[in-house]
Amino acid sequence: MAQQLGVRGIVRNRADGSVEVFAAGPPDAMKEFERRLRRGPLGAEVVDVQRIEVSEPLPDGFEIRR
């Protein structure tokens, strides 16, 4: 989804069961990305999405980390 929207960043599952996403991209792409995150994939239950500004360096594409 991120690659389709032109968003770059990192996603990883956390030990507590939550998912952490660091992402950057054009404003319209980020709005759509956040909208899709709030919906989640089929079968998932999204309880909350928090948006926090960070200055972590991000990869050129999108990576799934473990």
PDB file of N, CA and C in Angstrom:
ATOM      1  N   MET A   1       0.832  -1.191   0.000  1.00  0.00           N
ATOM      2  CA  MET A   1       0.000   0.000   0.000  1.00  0.00           C
ATOM      3  C   MET A   1       0.875   1.252   0.000  1.00  0.00           C
ATOM      4  N   ALA A   2       1.886   1.257   0.843  1.00  0.00           N
ATOM      5  CA  ALA A   2       2.766   2.431   0.915  1.00  0.00           C
ATOM      6  C   ALA A   2       3.440   2.684  -0.425  1.00  0.00           C
ATOM      7  N   GLN A   3       3.937   1.644  -1.040  1.00  0.00           N
ATOM      8  CA  GLN A   3       4.622   1.800  -2.317  1.00  0.00           C
ATOM      9  C   GLN A   3       3.665   2.309  -3.386  1.00  0.00           C
ATOM     10  N   GLN A   4       2.429   1.841  -3.392  1.00  0.00           N
ATOM     11  CA  GLN A   4       1.429   2.309  -4.352  1.00  0.00           C
ATOM     12  C   GLN A   4       1.204   3.813  -4.212  1.00  0.00           C
ATOM     13  N   LEU A   5       1.264   4.306  -2.980  1.00  0.00           N
ATOM     14  CA  LEU A   5       1.001   5.715  -2.708  1.00  0.00           C
ATOM     15  C   LEU A   5       2.246   6.594  -2.818  1.00  0.00           C
ATOM     16  N   GLY A   6       3.407   5.985  -2.970  1.00  0.00           N
ATOM     17  CA  GLY A   6       4.645   6.757  -3.026  1.00  0.00           C
ATOM     18  C   GLY A   6       5.139   7.185  -1.654  1.00  0.00           C
ATOM     19  N   VAL A   7       4.783   6.397  -0.641  1.00  0.00           N
ATOM     20  CA  VAL A   7       5.200   6.673   0.733  1.00  0.00           C
ATOM     21  C   VAL A   7       6.414   5.795   1.036  1.00  0.00           C
ATOM     22  N   ARG A   8       7.394   6.367   1.715  1.00  0.00           N
ATOM     23  CA  ARG A   8       8.571   5.594   2.109  1.00  0.00           C
ATOM     24  C   ARG A   8       8.596   5.467   3.616  1.00  0.00           C
ATOM     25  N   GLY A   9       9.252   4.408   4.116  1.00  0.00           N
ATOM     26  CA  GLY A   9       9.332   4.269   5.554  1.00  0.00           C
ATOM     27  C   GLY A   9       9.596   2.862   6.025  1.00  0.00           C
ATOM     28  N   ILE A  10       9.174   2.610   7.263  1.00  0.00           N
ATOM     29  CA  ILE A  10       9.442   1.348   7.955  1.00  0.00           C
ATOM     30  C   ILE A  10       8.180   0.949   8.711  1.00  0.00           C
ATOM     31  N   VAL A  11       7.879  -0.341   8.724  1.00  0.00           N
ATOM     32  CA  VAL A  11       6.805  -0.865   9.559  1.00  0.00           C
ATOM     33  C   VAL A  11       7.350  -2.076  10.314  1.00  0.00           C
ATOM     34  N   ARG A  12       6.928  -2.224  11.570  1.00  0.00           N
ATOM     35  CA  ARG A  12       7.359  -3.390  12.344  1.00  0.00           C
ATOM     36  C   ARG A  12       6.319  -3.719  13.411  1.00  0.00           C
ATOM     37  N   ASN A  13       6.207  -5.004  13.708  1.00  0.00           N
ATOM     38  CA  ASN A  13       5.349  -5.469  14.793  1.00  0.00           C
ATOM     39  C   ASN A  13       6.116  -5.317  16.095  1.00  0.00           C
ATOM     40  N   ARG A  14       5.429  -4.872  17.129  1.00  0.00           N
ATOM     41  CA  ARG A  14       6.046  -4.718  18.440  1.00  0.00           C
ATOM     42  C   ARG A  14       5.665  -5.890  19.326  1.00  0.00           C
ATOM     43  N   ALA A  15       6.430  -6.116  20.369  1.00  0.00           N
ATOM     44  CA  ALA A  15       6.211  -7.247  21.269  1.00  0.00           C
ATOM     45  C   ALA A  15       4.831  -7.215  21.926  1.00  0.00           C
ATOM     46  N   ASP A  16       4.262  -6.019  22.109  1.00  0.00           N
ATOM     47  CA  ASP A  16       2.960  -5.910  22.766  1.00  0.00           C
ATOM     48  C   ASP A  16       1.784  -6.135  21.808  1.00  0.00           C
ATOM     49  N   GLY A  17       2.081  -6.465  20.534  1.00  0.00           N
ATOM     50  CA  GLY A  17       1.030  -6.716  19.559  1.00  0.00           C
ATOM     51  C   GLY A  17       0.661  -5.510  18.711  1.00  0.00           C
ATOM     52  N   SER A  18       1.185  -4.358  19.057  1.00  0.00           N
ATOM     53  CA  SER A  18       0.900  -3.165  18.260  1.00  0.00           C
ATOM     54  C   SER A  18       1.819  -3.129  17.042  1.00  0.00           C
ATOM     55  N   VAL A  19       1.529  -2.254  16.130  1.00  0.00           N
ATOM     56  CA  VAL A  19       2.327  -2.082  14.920  1.00  0.00           C
ATOM     57  C   VAL A  19       2.851  -0.656  14.911  1.00  0.00           C
ATOM     58  N   GLU A  20       4.132  -0.512  14.604  1.00  0.00           N
ATOM     59  CA  GLU A  20       4.772   0.797  14.582  1.00  0.00           C
ATOM     60  C   GLU A  20       5.139   1.125  13.134  1.00  0.00           C
ATOM     61  N   VAL A  21       4.753   2.301  12.683  1.00  0.00           N
ATOM     62  CA  VAL A  21       5.028   2.735  11.315  1.00  0.00           C
ATOM     63  C   VAL A  21       5.722   4.093  11.359  1.00  0.00           C
ATOM     64  N   PHE A  22       6.840   4.193  10.669  1.00  0.00           N
ATOM     65  CA  PHE A  22       7.501   5.474  10.435  1.00  0.00           C
ATOM     66  C   PHE A  22       7.375   5.720   8.941  1.00  0.00           C
ATOM     67  N   ALA A  23       6.777   6.826   8.544  1.00  0.00           N
ATOM     68  CA  ALA A  23       6.523   7.051   7.124  1.00  0.00           C
ATOM     69  C   ALA A  23       6.644   8.522   6.755  1.00  0.00           C
ATOM     70  N   ALA A  24       6.960   8.745   5.483  1.00  0.00           N
ATOM     71  CA  ALA A  24       7.045  10.101   4.939  1.00  0.00           C
ATOM     72  C   ALA A  24       6.647  10.050   3.475  1.00  0.00           C
ATOM     73  N   GLY A  25       6.086  11.149   3.004  1.00  0.00           N
ATOM     74  CA  GLY A  25       5.699  11.235   1.607  1.00  0.00           C
ATOM     75  C   GLY A  25       4.965  12.534   1.342  1.00  0.00           C
ATOM     76  N   PRO A  26       4.497  12.714   0.115  1.00  0.00           N
ATOM     77  CA  PRO A  26       3.741  13.913  -0.227  1.00  0.00           C
ATOM     78  C   PRO A  26       2.483  14.030   0.654  1.00  0.00           C
ATOM     79  N   PRO A  27       2.060  15.249   0.988  1.00  0.00           N
ATOM     80  CA  PRO A  27       0.918  15.434   1.899  1.00  0.00           C
ATOM     81  C   PRO A  27      -0.341  14.651   1.512  1.00  0.00           C
ATOM     82  N   ASP A  28      -0.727  14.670   0.246  1.00  0.00           N
ATOM     83  CA  ASP A  28      -1.931  13.931  -0.159  1.00  0.00           C
ATOM     84  C   ASP A  28      -1.753  12.433   0.017  1.00  0.00           C
ATOM     85  N   ALA A  29      -0.572  11.925  -0.290  1.00  0.00           N
ATOM     86  CA  ALA A  29      -0.293  10.498  -0.118  1.00  0.00           C
ATOM     87  C   ALA A  29      -0.327  10.120   1.357  1.00  0.00           C
ATOM     88  N   MET A  30       0.205  10.991   2.217  1.00  0.00           N
ATOM     89  CA  MET A  30       0.203  10.703   3.653  1.00  0.00           C
ATOM     90  C   MET A  30      -1.218  10.695   4.222  1.00  0.00           C
ATOM     91  N   LYS A  31      -2.072  11.591   3.748  1.00  0.00           N
ATOM     92  CA  LYS A  31      -3.467  11.596   4.191  1.00  0.00           C
ATOM     93  C   LYS A  31      -4.150  10.285   3.836  1.00  0.00           C
ATOM     94  N   GLU A  32      -3.943   9.821   2.606  1.00  0.00           N
ATOM     95  CA  GLU A  32      -4.542   8.561   2.166  1.00  0.00           C
ATOM     96  C   GLU A  32      -3.937   7.382   2.917  1.00  0.00           C
ATOM     97  N   PHE A  33      -2.633   7.411   3.149  1.00  0.00           N
ATOM     98  CA  PHE A  33      -1.948   6.356   3.896  1.00  0.00           C
ATOM     99  C   PHE A  33      -2.538   6.240   5.305  1.00  0.00           C
ATOM    100  N   GLU A  34      -2.695   7.371   5.973  1.00  0.00           N
ATOM    101  CA  GLU A  34      -3.268   7.353   7.323  1.00  0.00           C
ATOM    102  C   GLU A  34      -4.712   6.861   7.303  1.00  0.00           C
ATOM    103  N   ARG A  35      -5.478   7.266   6.300  1.00  0.00           N
ATOM    104  CA  ARG A  35      -6.864   6.800   6.192  1.00  0.00           C
ATOM    105  C   ARG A  35      -6.910   5.272   6.068  1.00  0.00           C
ATOM    106  N   ARG A  36      -6.021   4.728   5.251  1.00  0.00           N
ATOM    107  CA  ARG A  36      -5.978   3.274   5.075  1.00  0.00           C
ATOM    108  C   ARG A  36      -5.466   2.564   6.320  1.00  0.00           C
ATOM    109  N   LEU A  37      -4.524   3.180   7.022  1.00  0.00           N
ATOM    110  CA  LEU A  37      -4.051   2.585   8.277  1.00  0.00           C
ATOM    111  C   LEU A  37      -5.187   2.491   9.293  1.00  0.00           C
ATOM    112  N   ARG A  38      -6.017   3.498   9.342  1.00  0.00           N
ATOM    113  CA  ARG A  38      -7.137   3.496  10.290  1.00  0.00           C
ATOM    114  C   ARG A  38      -8.136   2.388   9.972  1.00  0.00           C
ATOM    115  N   ARG A  39      -8.253   2.030   8.711  1.00  0.00           N
ATOM    116  CA  ARG A  39      -9.154   0.947   8.310  1.00  0.00           C
ATOM    117  C   ARG A  39      -8.493  -0.399   8.551  1.00  0.00           C
ATOM    118  N   GLY A  40      -7.201  -0.498   8.270  1.00  0.00           N
ATOM    119  CA  GLY A  40      -6.464  -1.739   8.471  1.00  0.00           C
ATOM    120  C   GLY A  40      -6.763  -2.782   7.413  1.00  0.00           C
ATOM    121  N   PRO A  41      -5.983  -3.864   7.402  1.00  0.00           N
ATOM    122  CA  PRO A  41      -6.217  -4.940   6.451  1.00  0.00           C
ATOM    123  C   PRO A  41      -7.419  -5.787   6.873  1.00  0.00           C
ATOM    124  N   LEU A  42      -7.929  -6.573   5.942  1.00  0.00           N
ATOM    125  CA  LEU A  42      -9.054  -7.460   6.214  1.00  0.00           C
ATOM    126  C   LEU A  42      -8.735  -8.360   7.403  1.00  0.00           C
ATOM    127  N   GLY A  43      -9.626  -8.424   8.356  1.00  0.00           N
ATOM    128  CA  GLY A  43      -9.448  -9.262   9.532  1.00  0.00           C
ATOM    129  C   GLY A  43      -8.732  -8.588  10.690  1.00  0.00           C
ATOM    130  N   ALA A  44      -8.237  -7.387  10.491  1.00  0.00           N
ATOM    131  CA  ALA A  44      -7.534  -6.683  11.567  1.00  0.00           C
ATOM    132  C   ALA A  44      -8.495  -5.792  12.337  1.00  0.00           C
ATOM    133  N   GLU A  45      -8.150  -5.529  13.573  1.00  0.00           N
ATOM    134  CA  GLU A  45      -8.912  -4.590  14.392  1.00  0.00           C
ATOM    135  C   GLU A  45      -7.994  -3.429  14.747  1.00  0.00           C
ATOM    136  N   VAL A  46      -8.248  -2.275  14.165  1.00  0.00           N
ATOM    137  CA  VAL A  46      -7.460  -1.080  14.465  1.00  0.00           C
ATOM    138  C   VAL A  46      -8.157  -0.334  15.584  1.00  0.00           C
ATOM    139  N   VAL A  47      -7.477  -0.200  16.707  1.00  0.00           N
ATOM    140  CA  VAL A  47      -8.038   0.476  17.870  1.00  0.00           C
ATOM    141  C   VAL A  47      -7.708   1.962  17.845  1.00  0.00           C
ATOM    142  N   ASP A  48      -6.494   2.299  17.432  1.00  0.00           N
ATOM    143  CA  ASP A  48      -6.072   3.692  17.449  1.00  0.00           C
ATOM    144  C   ASP A  48      -4.908   3.893  16.487  1.00  0.00           C
ATOM    145  N   VAL A  49      -4.827   5.069  15.916  1.00  0.00           N
ATOM    146  CA  VAL A  49      -3.678   5.482  15.122  1.00  0.00           C
ATOM    147  C   VAL A  49      -3.225   6.815  15.695  1.00  0.00           C
ATOM    148  N   GLN A  50      -1.962   6.873  16.097  1.00  0.00           N
ATOM    149  CA  GLN A  50      -1.415   8.106  16.649  1.00  0.00           C
ATOM    150  C   GLN A  50      -0.402   8.671  15.659  1.00  0.00           C
ATOM    151  N   ARG A  51      -0.475   9.957  15.434  1.00  0.00           N
ATOM    152  CA  ARG A  51       0.458  10.626  14.525  1.00  0.00           C
ATOM    153  C   ARG A  51       1.429  11.453  15.367  1.00  0.00           C
ATOM    154  N   ILE A  52       2.716  11.126  15.231  1.00  0.00           N
ATOM    155  CA  ILE A  52       3.756  11.809  15.989  1.00  0.00           C
ATOM    156  C   ILE A  52       4.870  12.186  15.021  1.00  0.00           C
ATOM    157  N   GLU A  53       5.298  13.428  15.035  1.00  0.00           N
ATOM    158  CA  GLU A  53       6.393  13.881  14.178  1.00  0.00           C
ATOM    159  C   GLU A  53       7.721  13.400  14.763  1.00  0.00           C
ATOM    160  N   VAL A  54       8.549  12.762  13.938  1.00  0.00           N
ATOM    161  CA  VAL A  54       9.872  12.300  14.360  1.00  0.00           C
ATOM    162  C   VAL A  54      10.882  12.671  13.283  1.00  0.00           C
ATOM    163  N   SER A  55      12.145  12.598  13.619  1.00  0.00           N
ATOM    164  CA  SER A  55      13.188  12.923  12.649  1.00  0.00           C
ATOM    165  C   SER A  55      14.080  11.718  12.375  1.00  0.00           C
ATOM    166  N   GLU A  56      13.510  10.516  12.442  1.00  0.00           N
ATOM    167  CA  GLU A  56      14.271   9.297  12.179  1.00  0.00           C
ATOM    168  C   GLU A  56      14.568   9.191  10.683  1.00  0.00           C
ATOM    169  N   PRO A  57      15.810   8.863  10.303  1.00  0.00           N
ATOM    170  CA  PRO A  57      16.107   8.688   8.882  1.00  0.00           C
ATOM    171  C   PRO A  57      15.312   7.508   8.324  1.00  0.00           C
ATOM    172  N   LEU A  58      14.778   7.667   7.128  1.00  0.00           N
ATOM    173  CA  LEU A  58      13.957   6.631   6.517  1.00  0.00           C
ATOM    174  C   LEU A  58      14.600   6.125   5.232  1.00  0.00           C
ATOM    175  N   PRO A  59      14.324   4.861   4.875  1.00  0.00           N
ATOM    176  CA  PRO A  59      14.869   4.326   3.629  1.00  0.00           C
ATOM    177  C   PRO A  59      14.202   4.968   2.415  1.00  0.00           C
ATOM    178  N   ASP A  60      14.746   4.735   1.247  1.00  0.00           N
ATOM    179  CA  ASP A  60      14.173   5.274   0.018  1.00  0.00           C
ATOM    180  C   ASP A  60      12.845   4.612  -0.321  1.00  0.00           C
ATOM    181  N   GLY A  61      12.676   3.340  -0.001  1.00  0.00           N
ATOM    182  CA  GLY A  61      11.448   2.618  -0.269  1.00  0.00           C
ATOM    183  C   GLY A  61      10.669   2.389   1.015  1.00  0.00           C
ATOM    184  N   PHE A  62      10.064   1.228   1.125  1.00  0.00           N
ATOM    185  CA  PHE A  62       9.325   0.877   2.337  1.00  0.00           C
ATOM    186  C   PHE A  62       9.781  -0.489   2.797  1.00  0.00           C
ATOM    187  N   GLU A  63      10.175  -0.617   4.055  1.00  0.00           N
ATOM    188  CA  GLU A  63      10.717  -1.850   4.595  1.00  0.00           C
ATOM    189  C   GLU A  63       9.828  -2.429   5.681  1.00  0.00           C
ATOM    190  N   ILE A  64       9.731  -3.756   5.684  1.00  0.00           N
ATOM    191  CA  ILE A  64       9.080  -4.472   6.781  1.00  0.00           C
ATOM    192  C   ILE A  64      10.211  -5.025   7.634  1.00  0.00           C
ATOM    193  N   ARG A  65      10.237  -4.613   8.884  1.00  0.00           N
ATOM    194  CA  ARG A  65      11.301  -5.060   9.792  1.00  0.00           C
ATOM    195  C   ARG A  65      10.717  -5.962  10.867  1.00  0.00           C
ATOM    196  N   ARG A  66      11.538  -6.811  11.367  1.00  0.00           N
ATOM    197  CA  ARG A  66      11.105  -7.748  12.427  1.00  0.00           C
ATOM    198  C   ARG A  66      11.841  -7.482  13.705  1.00  0.00           C
TER     199      ARG A  66
END
